[in-house]
Amino acid sequence: MAGNVWEWCSDWYHHDYYQQLEGKLTVNPQGPDKSYDPQEPYNAKRSLRGGSFLCNDSYCSGYRVARRMKSSPDTGLEHTGFRCVRDRK
């Protein structure tokens, strides 16, 4: 599942979301309510996961399902796809 394309997720990107959760018991975090990227504070971003065939260890830290990147929702590139999910019943 990892390493082919970056996979779009429904979560907004917030640069310190996981730091906000630190020390709290969290099961299936739903992501932040809104996007915030200090490098581009006025551009909403969504999270992408997994890594792509273009990744290099110098900037991607390998292919991991949990690896996170950010991009604006209107971005479409040859190395982005989407992740299918379903709630368990």
PDB file of N, CA and C in Angstrom:
ATOM      1  N   MET A   1       0.805  -1.191   0.000  1.00  0.00           N
ATOM      2  CA  MET A   1       0.000   0.000   0.000  1.00  0.00           C
ATOM      3  C   MET A   1       0.851   1.259   0.000  1.00  0.00           C
ATOM      4  N   ALA A   2       2.054   1.200   0.490  1.00  0.00           N
ATOM      5  CA  ALA A   2       2.908   2.387   0.541  1.00  0.00           C
ATOM      6  C   ALA A   2       3.966   2.313  -0.551  1.00  0.00           C
ATOM      7  N   GLY A   3       4.350   3.479  -1.034  1.00  0.00           N
ATOM      8  CA  GLY A   3       5.460   3.528  -1.966  1.00  0.00           C
ATOM      9  C   GLY A   3       5.095   3.691  -3.419  1.00  0.00           C
ATOM     10  N   ASN A   4       3.832   3.599  -3.766  1.00  0.00           N
ATOM     11  CA  ASN A   4       3.438   3.782  -5.153  1.00  0.00           C
ATOM     12  C   ASN A   4       3.112   5.251  -5.406  1.00  0.00           C
ATOM     13  N   VAL A   5       2.101   5.777  -4.703  1.00  0.00           N
ATOM     14  CA  VAL A   5       1.741   7.191  -4.805  1.00  0.00           C
ATOM     15  C   VAL A   5       1.415   7.724  -3.411  1.00  0.00           C
ATOM     16  N   TRP A   6       1.575   9.022  -3.222  1.00  0.00           N
ATOM     17  CA  TRP A   6       1.065   9.661  -2.022  1.00  0.00           C
ATOM     18  C   TRP A   6      -0.444   9.523  -2.060  1.00  0.00           C
ATOM     19  N   GLU A   7      -1.064   9.223  -0.934  1.00  0.00           N
ATOM     20  CA  GLU A   7      -2.506   8.969  -0.891  1.00  0.00           C
ATOM     21  C   GLU A   7      -3.217  10.103  -0.166  1.00  0.00           C
ATOM     22  N   TRP A   8      -4.166  10.733  -0.870  1.00  0.00           N
ATOM     23  CA  TRP A   8      -4.975  11.784  -0.252  1.00  0.00           C
ATOM     24  C   TRP A   8      -5.775  11.201   0.895  1.00  0.00           C
ATOM     25  N   CYS A   9      -5.830  11.928   1.994  1.00  0.00           N
ATOM     26  CA  CYS A   9      -6.668  11.566   3.139  1.00  0.00           C
ATOM     27  C   CYS A   9      -7.665  12.690   3.385  1.00  0.00           C
ATOM     28  N   SER A  10      -8.725  12.414   4.099  1.00  0.00           N
ATOM     29  CA  SER A  10      -9.739  13.443   4.345  1.00  0.00           C
ATOM     30  C   SER A  10      -9.305  14.431   5.422  1.00  0.00           C
ATOM     31  N   ASP A  11      -8.261  14.137   6.172  1.00  0.00           N
ATOM     32  CA  ASP A  11      -7.805  15.015   7.253  1.00  0.00           C
ATOM     33  C   ASP A  11      -7.193  16.301   6.727  1.00  0.00           C
ATOM     34  N   TRP A  12      -7.543  17.401   7.383  1.00  0.00           N
ATOM     35  CA  TRP A  12      -6.836  18.654   7.136  1.00  0.00           C
ATOM     36  C   TRP A  12      -5.436  18.525   7.698  1.00  0.00           C
ATOM     37  N   TYR A  13      -4.511  19.288   7.180  1.00  0.00           N
ATOM     38  CA  TYR A  13      -3.133  19.307   7.687  1.00  0.00           C
ATOM     39  C   TYR A  13      -2.999  20.436   8.704  1.00  0.00           C
ATOM     40  N   HIS A  14      -2.470  20.118   9.870  1.00  0.00           N
ATOM     41  CA  HIS A  14      -2.114  21.131  10.871  1.00  0.00           C
ATOM     42  C   HIS A  14      -0.727  20.749  11.365  1.00  0.00           C
ATOM     43  N   HIS A  15       0.207  21.680  11.300  1.00  0.00           N
ATOM     44  CA  HIS A  15       1.613  21.362  11.553  1.00  0.00           C
ATOM     45  C   HIS A  15       1.874  20.756  12.921  1.00  0.00           C
ATOM     46  N   ASP A  16       1.087  21.071  13.955  1.00  0.00           N
ATOM     47  CA  ASP A  16       1.362  20.513  15.276  1.00  0.00           C
ATOM     48  C   ASP A  16       0.218  19.669  15.838  1.00  0.00           C
ATOM     49  N   TYR A  17      -0.587  19.098  14.970  1.00  0.00           N
ATOM     50  CA  TYR A  17      -1.737  18.311  15.410  1.00  0.00           C
ATOM     51  C   TYR A  17      -1.336  17.188  16.364  1.00  0.00           C
ATOM     52  N   TYR A  18      -0.291  16.460  16.054  1.00  0.00           N
ATOM     53  CA  TYR A  18       0.097  15.331  16.897  1.00  0.00           C
ATOM     54  C   TYR A  18       0.703  15.796  18.220  1.00  0.00           C
ATOM     55  N   GLN A  19       1.313  16.953  18.243  1.00  0.00           N
ATOM     56  CA  GLN A  19       1.798  17.512  19.507  1.00  0.00           C
ATOM     57  C   GLN A  19       0.618  17.889  20.409  1.00  0.00           C
ATOM     58  N   GLN A  20      -0.482  18.338  19.821  1.00  0.00           N
ATOM     59  CA  GLN A  20      -1.677  18.667  20.602  1.00  0.00           C
ATOM     60  C   GLN A  20      -2.278  17.422  21.255  1.00  0.00           C
ATOM     61  N   LEU A  21      -2.088  16.261  20.642  1.00  0.00           N
ATOM     62  CA  LEU A  21      -2.625  15.008  21.172  1.00  0.00           C
ATOM     63  C   LEU A  21      -1.699  14.349  22.185  1.00  0.00           C
ATOM     64  N   GLU A  22      -0.483  14.809  22.281  1.00  0.00           N
ATOM     65  CA  GLU A  22       0.513  14.178  23.145  1.00  0.00           C
ATOM     66  C   GLU A  22       0.007  14.076  24.583  1.00  0.00           C
ATOM     67  N   GLY A  23       0.126  12.876  25.147  1.00  0.00           N
ATOM     68  CA  GLY A  23      -0.298  12.627  26.514  1.00  0.00           C
ATOM     69  C   GLY A  23      -1.773  12.291  26.657  1.00  0.00           C
ATOM     70  N   LYS A  24      -2.531  12.331  25.558  1.00  0.00           N
ATOM     71  CA  LYS A  24      -3.960  12.003  25.589  1.00  0.00           C
ATOM     72  C   LYS A  24      -4.172  10.636  24.966  1.00  0.00           C
ATOM     73  N   LEU A  25      -5.110   9.883  25.508  1.00  0.00           N
ATOM     74  CA  LEU A  25      -5.478   8.611  24.906  1.00  0.00           C
ATOM     75  C   LEU A  25      -6.340   8.903  23.685  1.00  0.00           C
ATOM     76  N   THR A  26      -5.890   8.487  22.517  1.00  0.00           N
ATOM     77  CA  THR A  26      -6.601   8.794  21.286  1.00  0.00           C
ATOM     78  C   THR A  26      -6.788   7.523  20.465  1.00  0.00           C
ATOM     79  N   VAL A  27      -8.019   7.234  20.111  1.00  0.00           N
ATOM     80  CA  VAL A  27      -8.340   6.096  19.255  1.00  0.00           C
ATOM     81  C   VAL A  27      -8.935   6.652  17.977  1.00  0.00           C
ATOM     82  N   ASN A  28      -8.351   6.320  16.856  1.00  0.00           N
ATOM     83  CA  ASN A  28      -8.805   6.774  15.542  1.00  0.00           C
ATOM     84  C   ASN A  28      -8.978   8.295  15.487  1.00  0.00           C
ATOM     85  N   PRO A  29      -7.892   9.042  15.600  1.00  0.00           N
ATOM     86  CA  PRO A  29      -8.015  10.503  15.546  1.00  0.00           C
ATOM     87  C   PRO A  29      -8.605  10.947  14.213  1.00  0.00           C
ATOM     88  N   GLN A  30      -9.504  11.892  14.262  1.00  0.00           N
ATOM     89  CA  GLN A  30     -10.212  12.357  13.069  1.00  0.00           C
ATOM     90  C   GLN A  30      -9.528  13.526  12.376  1.00  0.00           C
ATOM     91  N   GLY A  31      -8.421  13.989  12.917  1.00  0.00           N
ATOM     92  CA  GLY A  31      -7.700  15.099  12.307  1.00  0.00           C
ATOM     93  C   GLY A  31      -8.199  16.431  12.827  1.00  0.00           C
ATOM     94  N   PRO A  32      -7.470  17.493  12.529  1.00  0.00           N
ATOM     95  CA  PRO A  32      -7.850  18.816  13.016  1.00  0.00           C
ATOM     96  C   PRO A  32      -9.104  19.345  12.321  1.00  0.00           C
ATOM     97  N   ASP A  33      -9.760  20.317  12.972  1.00  0.00           N
ATOM     98  CA  ASP A  33     -10.969  20.930  12.411  1.00  0.00           C
ATOM     99  C   ASP A  33     -10.670  21.834  11.224  1.00  0.00           C
ATOM    100  N   LYS A  34      -9.458  22.407  11.212  1.00  0.00           N
ATOM    101  CA  LYS A  34      -9.083  23.294  10.115  1.00  0.00           C
ATOM    102  C   LYS A  34      -7.599  23.136   9.812  1.00  0.00           C
ATOM    103  N   SER A  35      -7.219  23.610   8.666  1.00  0.00           N
ATOM    104  CA  SER A  35      -5.841  23.501   8.210  1.00  0.00           C
ATOM    105  C   SER A  35      -5.005  24.667   8.708  1.00  0.00           C
ATOM    106  N   TYR A  36      -3.737  24.364   9.014  1.00  0.00           N
ATOM    107  CA  TYR A  36      -2.791  25.449   9.288  1.00  0.00           C
ATOM    108  C   TYR A  36      -1.380  24.979   8.970  1.00  0.00           C
ATOM    109  N   ASP A  37      -0.738  25.707   8.081  1.00  0.00           N
ATOM    110  CA  ASP A  37       0.657  25.471   7.716  1.00  0.00           C
ATOM    111  C   ASP A  37       1.383  26.799   7.900  1.00  0.00           C
ATOM    112  N   PRO A  38       2.293  26.912   8.872  1.00  0.00           N
ATOM    113  CA  PRO A  38       2.955  28.194   9.111  1.00  0.00           C
ATOM    114  C   PRO A  38       3.746  28.711   7.908  1.00  0.00           C
ATOM    115  N   GLN A  39       4.148  27.825   7.003  1.00  0.00           N
ATOM    116  CA  GLN A  39       4.871  28.260   5.809  1.00  0.00           C
ATOM    117  C   GLN A  39       3.949  28.925   4.796  1.00  0.00           C
ATOM    118  N   GLU A  40       2.678  28.528   4.790  1.00  0.00           N
ATOM    119  CA  GLU A  40       1.660  29.123   3.903  1.00  0.00           C
ATOM    120  C   GLU A  40       0.346  29.225   4.683  1.00  0.00           C
ATOM    121  N   PRO A  41       0.246  30.185   5.606  1.00  0.00           N
ATOM    122  CA  PRO A  41      -0.908  30.231   6.512  1.00  0.00           C
ATOM    123  C   PRO A  41      -2.255  30.492   5.846  1.00  0.00           C
ATOM    124  N   TYR A  42      -2.286  31.019   4.648  1.00  0.00           N
ATOM    125  CA  TYR A  42      -3.560  31.328   3.987  1.00  0.00           C
ATOM    126  C   TYR A  42      -3.945  30.313   2.917  1.00  0.00           C
ATOM    127  N   ASN A  43      -3.194  29.229   2.826  1.00  0.00           N
ATOM    128  CA  ASN A  43      -3.462  28.187   1.845  1.00  0.00           C
ATOM    129  C   ASN A  43      -3.867  26.916   2.586  1.00  0.00           C
ATOM    130  N   ALA A  44      -5.140  26.527   2.484  1.00  0.00           N
ATOM    131  CA  ALA A  44      -5.621  25.310   3.154  1.00  0.00           C
ATOM    132  C   ALA A  44      -4.923  24.086   2.582  1.00  0.00           C
ATOM    133  N   LYS A  45      -4.581  23.146   3.455  1.00  0.00           N
ATOM    134  CA  LYS A  45      -3.866  21.932   3.037  1.00  0.00           C
ATOM    135  C   LYS A  45      -4.553  20.693   3.590  1.00  0.00           C
ATOM    136  N   ARG A  46      -4.453  19.620   2.869  1.00  0.00           N
ATOM    137  CA  ARG A  46      -4.901  18.301   3.324  1.00  0.00           C
ATOM    138  C   ARG A  46      -3.674  17.413   3.508  1.00  0.00           C
ATOM    139  N   SER A  47      -3.855  16.365   4.298  1.00  0.00           N
ATOM    140  CA  SER A  47      -2.774  15.415   4.536  1.00  0.00           C
ATOM    141  C   SER A  47      -2.722  14.368   3.435  1.00  0.00           C
ATOM    142  N   LEU A  48      -1.513  13.983   3.073  1.00  0.00           N
ATOM    143  CA  LEU A  48      -1.272  12.856   2.186  1.00  0.00           C
ATOM    144  C   LEU A  48      -0.425  11.869   2.970  1.00  0.00           C
ATOM    145  N   ARG A  49      -0.577  10.595   2.695  1.00  0.00           N
ATOM    146  CA  ARG A  49       0.144   9.558   3.434  1.00  0.00           C
ATOM    147  C   ARG A  49       0.826   8.572   2.502  1.00  0.00           C
ATOM    148  N   GLY A  50       1.892   7.958   2.989  1.00  0.00           N
ATOM    149  CA  GLY A  50       2.462   6.775   2.376  1.00  0.00           C
ATOM    150  C   GLY A  50       3.742   6.912   1.585  1.00  0.00           C
ATOM    151  N   GLY A  51       3.967   8.010   0.900  1.00  0.00           N
ATOM    152  CA  GLY A  51       5.151   8.130   0.056  1.00  0.00           C
ATOM    153  C   GLY A  51       4.856   7.695  -1.367  1.00  0.00           C
ATOM    154  N   SER A  52       5.739   8.056  -2.279  1.00  0.00           N
ATOM    155  CA  SER A  52       5.510   7.721  -3.684  1.00  0.00           C
ATOM    156  C   SER A  52       6.775   7.154  -4.318  1.00  0.00           C
ATOM    157  N   PHE A  53       6.638   6.769  -5.575  1.00  0.00           N
ATOM    158  CA  PHE A  53       7.781   6.225  -6.303  1.00  0.00           C
ATOM    159  C   PHE A  53       8.870   7.273  -6.509  1.00  0.00           C
ATOM    160  N   LEU A  54       8.557   8.549  -6.296  1.00  0.00           N
ATOM    161  CA  LEU A  54       9.546   9.612  -6.448  1.00  0.00           C
ATOM    162  C   LEU A  54      10.313   9.906  -5.161  1.00  0.00           C
ATOM    163  N   CYS A  55       9.942   9.258  -4.051  1.00  0.00           N
ATOM    164  CA  CYS A  55      10.571   9.550  -2.755  1.00  0.00           C
ATOM    165  C   CYS A  55      12.048   9.190  -2.745  1.00  0.00           C
ATOM    166  N   ASN A  56      12.776   9.982  -2.018  1.00  0.00           N
ATOM    167  CA  ASN A  56      14.199   9.764  -1.799  1.00  0.00           C
ATOM    168  C   ASN A  56      14.427   9.915  -0.302  1.00  0.00           C
ATOM    169  N   ASP A  57      15.278   9.110   0.286  1.00  0.00           N
ATOM    170  CA  ASP A  57      15.508   9.165   1.731  1.00  0.00           C
ATOM    171  C   ASP A  57      15.923  10.545   2.226  1.00  0.00           C
ATOM    172  N   SER A  58      16.514  11.362   1.384  1.00  0.00           N
ATOM    173  CA  SER A  58      16.987  12.671   1.830  1.00  0.00           C
ATOM    174  C   SER A  58      15.835  13.611   2.180  1.00  0.00           C
ATOM    175  N   TYR A  59      14.623  13.395   1.642  1.00  0.00           N
ATOM    176  CA  TYR A  59      13.505  14.277   1.977  1.00  0.00           C
ATOM    177  C   TYR A  59      12.215  13.538   2.305  1.00  0.00           C
ATOM    178  N   CYS A  60      12.172  12.241   2.137  1.00  0.00           N
ATOM    179  CA  CYS A  60      10.922  11.509   2.328  1.00  0.00           C
ATOM    180  C   CYS A  60      10.943  10.582   3.533  1.00  0.00           C
ATOM    181  N   SER A  61      12.090  10.247   4.040  1.00  0.00           N
ATOM    182  CA  SER A  61      12.233   9.344   5.188  1.00  0.00           C
ATOM    183  C   SER A  61      11.636   7.967   4.943  1.00  0.00           C
ATOM    184  N   GLY A  62      11.662   7.516   3.733  1.00  0.00           N
ATOM    185  CA  GLY A  62      11.250   6.153   3.423  1.00  0.00           C
ATOM    186  C   GLY A  62       9.768   5.992   3.170  1.00  0.00           C
ATOM    187  N   TYR A  63       9.405   4.789   2.819  1.00  0.00           N
ATOM    188  CA  TYR A  63       8.020   4.464   2.486  1.00  0.00           C
ATOM    189  C   TYR A  63       7.354   3.852   3.703  1.00  0.00           C
ATOM    190  N   ARG A  64       6.477   4.608   4.334  1.00  0.00           N
ATOM    191  CA  ARG A  64       5.734   4.127   5.493  1.00  0.00           C
ATOM    192  C   ARG A  64       4.283   4.568   5.328  1.00  0.00           C
ATOM    193  N   VAL A  65       3.361   3.717   5.702  1.00  0.00           N
ATOM    194  CA  VAL A  65       1.950   4.065   5.615  1.00  0.00           C
ATOM    195  C   VAL A  65       1.664   5.312   6.452  1.00  0.00           C
ATOM    196  N   ALA A  66       2.372   5.485   7.558  1.00  0.00           N
ATOM    197  CA  ALA A  66       2.139   6.618   8.456  1.00  0.00           C
ATOM    198  C   ALA A  66       2.851   7.901   8.020  1.00  0.00           C
ATOM    199  N   ARG A  67       3.728   7.838   7.051  1.00  0.00           N
ATOM    200  CA  ARG A  67       4.465   9.036   6.622  1.00  0.00           C
ATOM    201  C   ARG A  67       3.476  10.089   6.127  1.00  0.00           C
ATOM    202  N   ARG A  68       3.641  11.326   6.571  1.00  0.00           N
ATOM    203  CA  ARG A  68       2.672  12.380   6.247  1.00  0.00           C
ATOM    204  C   ARG A  68       3.327  13.502   5.467  1.00  0.00           C
ATOM    205  N   MET A  69       2.579  14.020   4.508  1.00  0.00           N
ATOM    206  CA  MET A  69       2.980  15.177   3.739  1.00  0.00           C
ATOM    207  C   MET A  69       1.749  16.082   3.625  1.00  0.00           C
ATOM    208  N   LYS A  70       1.915  17.273   3.121  1.00  0.00           N
ATOM    209  CA  LYS A  70       0.811  18.217   2.980  1.00  0.00           C
ATOM    210  C   LYS A  70       0.753  18.745   1.559  1.00  0.00           C
ATOM    211  N   SER A  71      -0.455  19.117   1.138  1.00  0.00           N
ATOM    212  CA  SER A  71      -0.620  19.746  -0.162  1.00  0.00           C
ATOM    213  C   SER A  71      -2.009  20.359  -0.228  1.00  0.00           C
ATOM    214  N   SER A  72      -2.173  21.369  -1.069  1.00  0.00           N
ATOM    215  CA  SER A  72      -3.489  21.983  -1.217  1.00  0.00           C
ATOM    216  C   SER A  72      -4.413  21.025  -1.976  1.00  0.00           C
ATOM    217  N   PRO A  73      -5.704  21.029  -1.656  1.00  0.00           N
ATOM    218  CA  PRO A  73      -6.632  20.063  -2.262  1.00  0.00           C
ATOM    219  C   PRO A  73      -6.758  20.157  -3.786  1.00  0.00           C
ATOM    220  N   ASP A  74      -6.341  21.256  -4.379  1.00  0.00           N
ATOM    221  CA  ASP A  74      -6.451  21.385  -5.831  1.00  0.00           C
ATOM    222  C   ASP A  74      -5.218  20.868  -6.568  1.00  0.00           C
ATOM    223  N   THR A  75      -4.316  20.226  -5.853  1.00  0.00           N
ATOM    224  CA  THR A  75      -3.100  19.686  -6.449  1.00  0.00           C
ATOM    225  C   THR A  75      -3.378  18.332  -7.095  1.00  0.00           C
ATOM    226  N   GLY A  76      -2.915  18.140  -8.294  1.00  0.00           N
ATOM    227  CA  GLY A  76      -3.018  16.857  -8.966  1.00  0.00           C
ATOM    228  C   GLY A  76      -1.688  16.548  -9.642  1.00  0.00           C
ATOM    229  N   LEU A  77      -1.037  15.513  -9.200  1.00  0.00           N
ATOM    230  CA  LEU A  77       0.260  15.139  -9.750  1.00  0.00           C
ATOM    231  C   LEU A  77       0.284  13.650 -10.052  1.00  0.00           C
ATOM    232  N   GLU A  78       1.239  13.222 -10.857  1.00  0.00           N
ATOM    233  CA  GLU A  78       1.323  11.812 -11.240  1.00  0.00           C
ATOM    234  C   GLU A  78       1.649  10.900 -10.073  1.00  0.00           C
ATOM    235  N   HIS A  79       2.128  11.454  -8.972  1.00  0.00           N
ATOM    236  CA  HIS A  79       2.491  10.616  -7.830  1.00  0.00           C
ATOM    237  C   HIS A  79       1.555  10.838  -6.634  1.00  0.00           C
ATOM    238  N   THR A  80       0.286  11.224  -6.912  1.00  0.00           N
ATOM    239  CA  THR A  80      -0.738  11.299  -5.862  1.00  0.00           C
ATOM    240  C   THR A  80      -1.944  10.478  -6.275  1.00  0.00           C
ATOM    241  N   GLY A  81      -2.538   9.840  -5.307  1.00  0.00           N
ATOM    242  CA  GLY A  81      -3.743   9.043  -5.520  1.00  0.00           C
ATOM    243  C   GLY A  81      -4.673   9.286  -4.348  1.00  0.00           C
ATOM    244  N   PHE A  82      -5.431   8.277  -3.956  1.00  0.00           N
ATOM    245  CA  PHE A  82      -6.294   8.440  -2.794  1.00  0.00           C
ATOM    246  C   PHE A  82      -6.336   7.137  -2.024  1.00  0.00           C
ATOM    247  N   ARG A  83      -6.743   7.227  -0.787  1.00  0.00           N
ATOM    248  CA  ARG A  83      -6.795   6.088   0.117  1.00  0.00           C
ATOM    249  C   ARG A  83      -8.263   5.773   0.401  1.00  0.00           C
ATOM    250  N   CYS A  84      -8.680   4.557   0.123  1.00  0.00           N
ATOM    251  CA  CYS A  84     -10.050   4.145   0.403  1.00  0.00           C
ATOM    252  C   CYS A  84     -10.144   3.662   1.844  1.00  0.00           C
ATOM    253  N   VAL A  85     -11.158   4.115   2.540  1.00  0.00           N
ATOM    254  CA  VAL A  85     -11.380   3.672   3.923  1.00  0.00           C
ATOM    255  C   VAL A  85     -12.854   3.374   4.122  1.00  0.00           C
ATOM    256  N   ARG A  86     -13.125   2.606   5.141  1.00  0.00           N
ATOM    257  CA  ARG A  86     -14.495   2.270   5.459  1.00  0.00           C
ATOM    258  C   ARG A  86     -14.613   2.079   6.959  1.00  0.00           C
ATOM    259  N   ASP A  87     -15.691   2.595   7.538  1.00  0.00           N
ATOM    260  CA  ASP A  87     -15.937   2.374   8.964  1.00  0.00           C
ATOM    261  C   ASP A  87     -16.232   0.919   9.216  1.00  0.00           C
ATOM    262  N   ARG A  88     -15.729   0.408  10.348  1.00  0.00           N
ATOM    263  CA  ARG A  88     -16.066  -0.970  10.748  1.00  0.00           C
ATOM    264  C   ARG A  88     -17.418  -0.957  11.412  1.00  0.00           C
ATOM    265  N   LYS A  89     -18.181  -2.002  11.179  1.00  0.00           N
ATOM    266  CA  LYS A  89     -19.505  -2.093  11.815  1.00  0.00           C
ATOM    267  C   LYS A  89     -19.484  -3.104  12.915  1.00  0.00           C
TER     268      LYS A  89
END
